[in-house]
Amino acid sequence: MTEDIKHLIEKINQEGVQAAEAKASQIQEQAERRAEEILAKARKEAARLLAEAGEKLKLMEDKHRQLLAQAGRDFLLSLRKEISVAIEQLILKDVRQALGTEALHKILAEAIKNYGGQQKSEVVVSLKAEDAVMLQKHYLAKLTEETKKGIILKPSGEISGGFTISFDAGRSQFDFTDSALAEYIGTYLKPQLNEILKQAVSG
């Protein structure tokens, strides 16, 4: 009887150990599967985050390049504008210096002889007050004699250098003012300026 009980107890213990081992093995397998699932999910999430980060970085780099390109274009436009203004001021200064009263006398004489010969009306010349006084005082008589035309000098507060000339009593006129001549000269220089700037940028 005692041996039967002892055998029964051993059997129960053995079956309990086996059951516990089986349960532990099952738990371990479940834990390993769960761990693999978690790792797989983590890897997938990490890959997604890396892909998103890479895309954001690419977008930032593209935007940075666009901003740099725009800044470069803005700088070039600003530089071109500043150079154009500087050139126009230099041209205007040189034109004003070139259009002294003696030069005005020579230019007017040539203009009137070459372009006003067939006109019957008096020639009307508008120019700044100081130049009108100097021409009136020193050159008008000579100019009238050279051209055989009646010449009227009209001081103008709107003209800072050079002159306008009319061969039909003011109905139409040719503009030889300093600003008009500077603009005319500048139109020929600007294409060259653009080419110089293009070469500078490409270099």
Foldseek 3Di string as FASTA:
>chain_A
DVVVVVVVVVVVVVVVVVVVVVVVVVVVVVVVVVVVVVVVVVVVVVVVVVVVVVVVVVVVVVVVVVVVVVVVVVVLVVVLVVVLVVQLVVQLVVLQVCQALVNLLVVLLVCCQVPQLVFPDAKEKEAAPVSLVVCVVPPPVVSCVSNVGHYHYHHDPVAPGDIWMDNHVPPDIDDPGSNVVSVVVSVVCSVVVVVVSVVVVVD
